[in-house]
Amino acid sequence: MARNLGWFSLGLGALEMLAPERVTRALGMQGQERLVRAYGAREIASGVLSLSADKNVGLWSRVAGDGLDIAMLMGGLHADNPKRGNVVLALLMVGGITLLDLATAKEVSARHAPGTGPRRTYDDRTGYPKGIAASRGISGPKKLRKQLAAT
């Protein structure tokens, strides 16, 4: 799912970067093209991070970006916006994607959290290849050579 969301981010970011006029016109928010381009750059960065080895950062940046998108779209809900219905539809879509992003980010975070899984202990290891009992009584180079020769 993280990979799919990463590719979705790249596509949406490219659309926002290359055609911000169409996006703002569809939402009745002309004059916000620079902001849409900036959000496109953020979306592309989130997509790249979501496709990287450490997906956690990318997925949480998508969740934060969804919050910014919702805040921007709320500004388009004013009564004199002729495309207010499109803004409501966009808010519903962003809300659904936000839930998907949040669920995926939580799952990936839980899966890769430190301390999950069985804890490894090395209580059974002593550091002596023949055990502690075999090393007792070895002191001095002569005794050591004699013991090593015997084995």
C-alpha atoms as a PDB file:
ATOM      1  CA  MET A   1       0.000   0.000   0.000  1.00  0.00           C
ATOM      2  CA  ALA A   2       2.858   2.395   0.825  1.00  0.00           C
ATOM      3  CA  ARG A   3       4.271   1.921  -2.673  1.00  0.00           C
ATOM      4  CA  ASN A   4       0.889   2.631  -4.268  1.00  0.00           C
ATOM      5  CA  LEU A   5       0.480   5.787  -2.196  1.00  0.00           C
ATOM      6  CA  GLY A   6       3.979   6.851  -3.229  1.00  0.00           C
ATOM      7  CA  TRP A   7       3.145   6.519  -6.915  1.00  0.00           C
ATOM      8  CA  PHE A   8      -0.160   8.328  -6.346  1.00  0.00           C
ATOM      9  CA  SER A   9       1.773  11.195  -4.718  1.00  0.00           C
ATOM     10  CA  LEU A  10       4.123  11.439  -7.683  1.00  0.00           C
ATOM     11  CA  GLY A  11       1.218  11.597 -10.140  1.00  0.00           C
ATOM     12  CA  LEU A  12      -0.788  14.123  -8.128  1.00  0.00           C
ATOM     13  CA  GLY A  13       2.299  16.237  -7.508  1.00  0.00           C
ATOM     14  CA  ALA A  14       3.124  16.269 -11.215  1.00  0.00           C
ATOM     15  CA  LEU A  15      -0.418  17.396 -12.012  1.00  0.00           C
ATOM     16  CA  GLU A  16      -0.229  20.177  -9.427  1.00  0.00           C
ATOM     17  CA  MET A  17       3.179  21.312 -10.682  1.00  0.00           C
ATOM     18  CA  LEU A  18       2.370  21.188 -14.402  1.00  0.00           C
ATOM     19  CA  ALA A  19      -1.262  22.346 -14.481  1.00  0.00           C
ATOM     20  CA  PRO A  20      -2.043  24.450 -11.390  1.00  0.00           C
ATOM     21  CA  GLU A  21      -4.336  26.715 -13.432  1.00  0.00           C
ATOM     22  CA  ARG A  22      -6.641  23.797 -14.262  1.00  0.00           C
ATOM     23  CA  VAL A  23      -6.743  22.711 -10.618  1.00  0.00           C
ATOM     24  CA  THR A  24      -7.571  26.185  -9.299  1.00  0.00           C
ATOM     25  CA  ARG A  25     -10.122  26.808 -12.068  1.00  0.00           C
ATOM     26  CA  ALA A  26     -11.918  23.529 -11.265  1.00  0.00           C
ATOM     27  CA  LEU A  27     -12.120  24.559  -7.603  1.00  0.00           C
ATOM     28  CA  GLY A  28     -13.001  28.201  -8.220  1.00  0.00           C
ATOM     29  CA  MET A  29      -9.825  29.247  -6.441  1.00  0.00           C
ATOM     30  CA  GLN A  30      -8.041  31.238  -9.148  1.00  0.00           C
ATOM     31  CA  GLY A  31      -5.032  33.161  -7.892  1.00  0.00           C
ATOM     32  CA  GLN A  32      -3.758  30.219  -5.792  1.00  0.00           C
ATOM     33  CA  GLU A  33      -1.588  28.737  -8.546  1.00  0.00           C
ATOM     34  CA  ARG A  34       1.720  29.339  -6.730  1.00  0.00           C
ATOM     35  CA  LEU A  35       0.388  27.616  -3.630  1.00  0.00           C
ATOM     36  CA  VAL A  36      -0.830  24.662  -5.711  1.00  0.00           C
ATOM     37  CA  ARG A  37       2.635  24.389  -7.303  1.00  0.00           C
ATOM     38  CA  ALA A  38       4.242  24.410  -3.861  1.00  0.00           C
ATOM     39  CA  TYR A  39       1.843  21.701  -2.738  1.00  0.00           C
ATOM     40  CA  GLY A  40       2.780  19.744  -5.867  1.00  0.00           C
ATOM     41  CA  ALA A  41       6.463  19.905  -4.921  1.00  0.00           C
ATOM     42  CA  ARG A  42       5.577  18.737  -1.402  1.00  0.00           C
ATOM     43  CA  GLU A  43       3.514  15.896  -2.852  1.00  0.00           C
ATOM     44  CA  ILE A  44       6.391  14.755  -5.082  1.00  0.00           C
ATOM     45  CA  ALA A  45       8.785  14.813  -2.119  1.00  0.00           C
ATOM     46  CA  SER A  46       6.335  12.736  -0.076  1.00  0.00           C
ATOM     47  CA  GLY A  47       6.008  10.294  -2.960  1.00  0.00           C
ATOM     48  CA  VAL A  48       9.758   9.859  -3.303  1.00  0.00           C
ATOM     49  CA  LEU A  49      10.078   9.297   0.455  1.00  0.00           C
ATOM     50  CA  SER A  50       7.185   6.814   0.418  1.00  0.00           C
ATOM     51  CA  LEU A  51       8.974   4.824  -2.280  1.00  0.00           C
ATOM     52  CA  SER A  52      12.303   4.864  -0.414  1.00  0.00           C
ATOM     53  CA  ALA A  53      13.629   2.260   1.987  1.00  0.00           C
ATOM     54  CA  ASP A  54      12.386   4.269   4.992  1.00  0.00           C
ATOM     55  CA  LYS A  55       8.735   4.650   4.055  1.00  0.00           C
ATOM     56  CA  ASN A  56       7.744   5.871   7.507  1.00  0.00           C
ATOM     57  CA  VAL A  57       8.797   9.486   6.952  1.00  0.00           C
ATOM     58  CA  GLY A  58       7.127   9.657   3.551  1.00  0.00           C
ATOM     59  CA  LEU A  59       3.839   8.276   4.804  1.00  0.00           C
ATOM     60  CA  TRP A  60       3.659  10.628   7.775  1.00  0.00           C
ATOM     61  CA  SER A  61       4.544  13.556   5.498  1.00  0.00           C
ATOM     62  CA  ARG A  62       1.582  12.537   3.346  1.00  0.00           C
ATOM     63  CA  VAL A  63      -0.683  12.690   6.415  1.00  0.00           C
ATOM     64  CA  ALA A  64       0.632  16.157   7.290  1.00  0.00           C
ATOM     65  CA  GLY A  65       0.219  17.253   3.666  1.00  0.00           C
ATOM     66  CA  ASP A  66      -3.378  16.055   3.701  1.00  0.00           C
ATOM     67  CA  GLY A  67      -3.993  18.399   6.624  1.00  0.00           C
ATOM     68  CA  LEU A  68      -2.592  21.292   4.576  1.00  0.00           C
ATOM     69  CA  ASP A  69      -4.739  20.301   1.599  1.00  0.00           C
ATOM     70  CA  ILE A  70      -7.867  20.233   3.762  1.00  0.00           C
ATOM     71  CA  ALA A  71      -7.037  23.663   5.213  1.00  0.00           C
ATOM     72  CA  MET A  72      -6.564  25.112   1.729  1.00  0.00           C
ATOM     73  CA  LEU A  73      -9.775  23.559   0.438  1.00  0.00           C
ATOM     74  CA  MET A  74     -11.734  24.918   3.409  1.00  0.00           C
ATOM     75  CA  GLY A  75     -10.874  28.379   2.109  1.00  0.00           C
ATOM     76  CA  GLY A  76     -12.791  27.574  -1.072  1.00  0.00           C
ATOM     77  CA  LEU A  77     -16.059  26.880   0.720  1.00  0.00           C
ATOM     78  CA  HIS A  78     -17.144  30.537   0.854  1.00  0.00           C
ATOM     79  CA  ALA A  79     -20.663  31.297  -0.324  1.00  0.00           C
ATOM     80  CA  ASP A  80     -19.690  33.263  -3.448  1.00  0.00           C
ATOM     81  CA  ASN A  81     -17.589  30.423  -4.942  1.00  0.00           C
ATOM     82  CA  PRO A  82     -19.454  29.101  -8.006  1.00  0.00           C
ATOM     83  CA  LYS A  83     -17.448  25.848  -7.835  1.00  0.00           C
ATOM     84  CA  ARG A  84     -18.265  25.184  -4.179  1.00  0.00           C
ATOM     85  CA  GLY A  85     -19.662  21.732  -5.071  1.00  0.00           C
ATOM     86  CA  ASN A  86     -16.308  20.758  -6.580  1.00  0.00           C
ATOM     87  CA  VAL A  87     -14.575  21.889  -3.388  1.00  0.00           C
ATOM     88  CA  VAL A  88     -16.905  19.712  -1.296  1.00  0.00           C
ATOM     89  CA  LEU A  89     -16.171  16.750  -3.574  1.00  0.00           C
ATOM     90  CA  ALA A  90     -12.428  17.426  -3.325  1.00  0.00           C
ATOM     91  CA  LEU A  91     -12.710  17.605   0.481  1.00  0.00           C
ATOM     92  CA  LEU A  92     -14.456  14.236   0.542  1.00  0.00           C
ATOM     93  CA  MET A  93     -11.764  12.691  -1.642  1.00  0.00           C
ATOM     94  CA  VAL A  94      -8.932  14.195   0.415  1.00  0.00           C
ATOM     95  CA  GLY A  95     -10.676  13.001   3.591  1.00  0.00           C
ATOM     96  CA  GLY A  96     -10.821   9.442   2.253  1.00  0.00           C
ATOM     97  CA  ILE A  97      -7.180   9.539   1.185  1.00  0.00           C
ATOM     98  CA  THR A  98      -6.267  10.952   4.599  1.00  0.00           C
ATOM     99  CA  LEU A  99      -7.850   7.956   6.321  1.00  0.00           C
ATOM    100  CA  LEU A 100      -5.965   5.610   3.998  1.00  0.00           C
ATOM    101  CA  ASP A 101      -2.692   7.499   4.561  1.00  0.00           C
ATOM    102  CA  LEU A 102      -3.175   7.475   8.321  1.00  0.00           C
ATOM    103  CA  ALA A 103      -3.962   3.755   8.472  1.00  0.00           C
ATOM    104  CA  THR A 104      -0.968   2.902   6.281  1.00  0.00           C
ATOM    105  CA  ALA A 105       1.392   5.171   8.228  1.00  0.00           C
ATOM    106  CA  LYS A 106       0.291   3.630  11.531  1.00  0.00           C
ATOM    107  CA  GLU A 107       0.745   0.108  10.204  1.00  0.00           C
ATOM    108  CA  VAL A 108       4.220   0.777   8.797  1.00  0.00           C
ATOM    109  CA  SER A 109       5.242   2.554  12.010  1.00  0.00           C
ATOM    110  CA  ALA A 110       4.063  -0.350  14.147  1.00  0.00           C
ATOM    111  CA  ARG A 111       5.765  -2.909  11.929  1.00  0.00           C
ATOM    112  CA  HIS A 112       9.116  -1.132  12.006  1.00  0.00           C
ATOM    113  CA  ALA A 113       9.048   0.128  15.592  1.00  0.00           C
ATOM    114  CA  PRO A 114      12.057  -0.760  17.723  1.00  0.00           C
ATOM    115  CA  GLY A 115      11.351  -3.357  20.360  1.00  0.00           C
ATOM    116  CA  THR A 116       8.807  -5.313  18.341  1.00  0.00           C
ATOM    117  CA  GLY A 117       9.273  -9.011  17.931  1.00  0.00           C
ATOM    118  CA  PRO A 118      11.161 -11.426  20.163  1.00  0.00           C
ATOM    119  CA  ARG A 119      13.990  -9.897  22.139  1.00  0.00           C
ATOM    120  CA  ARG A 120      17.371 -11.503  21.576  1.00  0.00           C
ATOM    121  CA  THR A 121      19.364 -12.333  24.653  1.00  0.00           C
ATOM    122  CA  TYR A 122      22.767 -13.877  24.730  1.00  0.00           C
ATOM    123  CA  ASP A 123      22.646 -15.252  28.272  1.00  0.00           C
ATOM    124  CA  ASP A 124      23.779 -18.680  27.071  1.00  0.00           C
ATOM    125  CA  ARG A 125      27.025 -17.329  25.608  1.00  0.00           C
ATOM    126  CA  THR A 126      30.207 -16.974  27.652  1.00  0.00           C
ATOM    127  CA  GLY A 127      32.762 -15.832  25.128  1.00  0.00           C
ATOM    128  CA  TYR A 128      34.883 -18.929  25.778  1.00  0.00           C
ATOM    129  CA  PRO A 129      34.804 -21.421  22.879  1.00  0.00           C
ATOM    130  CA  LYS A 130      35.353 -24.446  25.170  1.00  0.00           C
ATOM    131  CA  GLY A 131      33.286 -23.071  28.040  1.00  0.00           C
ATOM    132  CA  ILE A 132      34.268 -21.445  31.318  1.00  0.00           C
ATOM    133  CA  ALA A 133      35.202 -24.735  33.027  1.00  0.00           C
ATOM    134  CA  ALA A 134      37.884 -25.501  30.404  1.00  0.00           C
ATOM    135  CA  SER A 135      39.481 -22.114  30.938  1.00  0.00           C
ATOM    136  CA  ARG A 136      39.800 -22.401  34.720  1.00  0.00           C
ATOM    137  CA  GLY A 137      43.270 -22.974  36.025  1.00  0.00           C
ATOM    138  CA  ILE A 138      44.995 -21.511  32.979  1.00  0.00           C
ATOM    139  CA  SER A 139      47.430 -18.921  34.188  1.00  0.00           C
ATOM    140  CA  GLY A 140      50.778 -18.036  32.801  1.00  0.00           C
ATOM    141  CA  PRO A 141      52.218 -18.776  29.354  1.00  0.00           C
ATOM    142  CA  LYS A 142      53.698 -22.210  30.211  1.00  0.00           C
ATOM    143  CA  LYS A 143      50.461 -23.621  31.508  1.00  0.00           C
ATOM    144  CA  LEU A 144      48.586 -22.137  28.572  1.00  0.00           C
ATOM    145  CA  ARG A 145      50.946 -23.698  26.005  1.00  0.00           C
ATOM    146  CA  LYS A 146      50.733 -27.020  27.794  1.00  0.00           C
ATOM    147  CA  GLN A 147      46.927 -26.921  27.890  1.00  0.00           C
ATOM    148  CA  LEU A 148      46.683 -25.896  24.230  1.00  0.00           C
ATOM    149  CA  ALA A 149      49.062 -28.678  23.204  1.00  0.00           C
ATOM    150  CA  ALA A 150      46.892 -31.216  24.995  1.00  0.00           C
ATOM    151  CA  THR A 151      43.816 -30.295  23.012  1.00  0.00           C
END
